[in-house]
Amino acid sequence: MYVRVRHLPDVEVTLESMLKPRVATLPGHIQGVYVQNICKLYGRVLSKAEASSDDELVQRASRLVSEHLALFVHSADLEVQERVSTDVCSLT
């Protein structure tokens, strides 16, 4: 899955969709791609929020990502666990 962020009509909605609990049932290699692209989308949301001085969007997106990335910590795939652990540490 390759996400072209600039072509997404609503990055926040896409980010929310990618953080739904059912994603944790996907195979490990797919979860790894999800985690990587979730971070890209999160970065795009933060850039958008910074450009418009929208502190509420920053808080909302940060809360969403930090709360939902944790479900990947228990993945059976070690690469997913490593990616998400690094990403969670970066958020805190």
Protein backbone atom coordinates (compact mmCIF):
# COMPACT_ATOMS: atom_id res chain seq x y z
CA MET A 1 0.00 0.00 0.00
CA TYR A 2 1.54 3.24 -1.11
CA VAL A 3 -0.13 6.38 0.15
CA ARG A 4 0.09 9.51 -1.99
CA VAL A 5 -0.87 11.98 0.70
CA ARG A 6 -1.33 14.94 -1.60
CA HIS A 7 -4.00 13.03 -3.54
CA LEU A 8 -6.16 12.25 -0.51
CA PRO A 9 -9.25 14.44 -0.23
CA ASP A 10 -9.37 14.19 3.59
CA VAL A 11 -6.18 13.07 5.31
CA GLU A 12 -7.73 13.05 8.80
CA VAL A 13 -10.53 10.69 7.76
CA THR A 14 -8.02 8.37 6.12
CA LEU A 15 -5.87 8.42 9.26
CA GLU A 16 -8.88 7.54 11.43
CA SER A 17 -9.80 4.68 9.09
CA MET A 18 -6.30 3.24 9.21
CA LEU A 19 -6.39 3.22 13.02
CA LYS A 20 -9.51 1.08 13.40
CA PRO A 21 -9.01 -2.03 15.58
CA ARG A 22 -9.82 -4.46 12.75
CA VAL A 23 -6.49 -3.54 11.14
CA ALA A 24 -4.74 -5.59 13.84
CA THR A 25 -6.18 -8.76 12.28
CA LEU A 26 -4.30 -8.22 9.01
CA PRO A 27 -1.10 -10.17 8.25
CA GLY A 28 2.06 -8.78 9.84
CA HIS A 29 3.64 -7.51 6.64
CA ILE A 30 0.47 -5.51 5.89
CA GLN A 31 0.40 -4.14 9.45
CA GLY A 32 3.98 -2.93 8.96
CA VAL A 33 2.95 -0.97 5.89
CA TYR A 34 -0.03 0.45 7.79
CA VAL A 35 2.19 1.64 10.64
CA GLN A 36 4.58 3.30 8.22
CA ASN A 37 1.79 5.07 6.34
CA ILE A 38 -0.02 6.08 9.53
CA CYS A 39 3.14 7.99 10.48
CA LYS A 40 3.25 9.66 7.06
CA LEU A 41 -0.39 10.70 7.34
CA TYR A 42 0.15 11.94 10.88
CA GLY A 43 3.04 14.08 9.67
CA ARG A 44 0.84 15.51 6.92
CA VAL A 45 -1.92 16.34 9.42
CA LEU A 46 0.62 18.09 11.67
CA SER A 47 1.98 20.09 8.72
CA LYS A 48 -1.54 21.14 7.76
CA ALA A 49 -2.33 22.10 11.36
CA GLU A 50 0.87 24.10 11.69
CA ALA A 51 0.18 25.98 8.47
CA SER A 52 -3.25 27.00 9.72
CA SER A 53 -2.21 27.42 13.39
CA ASP A 54 -4.80 24.81 14.40
CA ASP A 55 -3.70 23.61 17.84
CA GLU A 56 -6.93 21.67 18.29
CA LEU A 57 -6.18 19.56 15.23
CA VAL A 58 -2.69 18.82 16.55
CA GLN A 59 -4.11 17.68 19.89
CA ARG A 60 -6.87 15.60 18.29
CA ALA A 61 -4.54 13.87 15.81
CA SER A 62 -1.86 13.26 18.46
CA ARG A 63 -4.38 11.73 20.84
CA LEU A 64 -5.86 9.54 18.10
CA VAL A 65 -2.49 8.23 16.94
CA SER A 66 -1.02 7.68 20.40
CA GLU A 67 -4.14 5.83 21.62
CA HIS A 68 -4.55 3.59 18.59
CA LEU A 69 -0.97 2.79 17.62
CA ALA A 70 -0.76 0.76 20.82
CA LEU A 71 -2.84 -2.03 19.28
CA PHE A 72 0.06 -2.81 16.96
CA VAL A 73 2.43 -3.32 19.90
CA HIS A 74 0.92 -6.77 20.42
CA SER A 75 1.34 -7.82 16.80
CA ALA A 76 2.73 -11.30 16.19
CA ASP A 77 5.15 -9.73 13.69
CA LEU A 78 8.39 -8.50 15.28
CA GLU A 79 9.00 -5.86 12.62
CA VAL A 80 5.59 -4.33 13.36
CA GLN A 81 6.34 -4.32 17.08
CA GLU A 82 9.68 -2.62 16.46
CA ARG A 83 8.22 0.03 14.13
CA VAL A 84 5.34 0.90 16.40
CA SER A 85 7.51 0.98 19.53
CA THR A 86 9.84 3.45 17.85
CA ASP A 87 6.90 5.53 16.64
CA VAL A 88 5.18 5.55 20.04
CA CYS A 89 8.45 6.67 21.67
CA SER A 90 8.72 9.48 19.13
CA LEU A 91 5.22 10.69 20.00
CA THR A 92 5.82 10.88 23.74
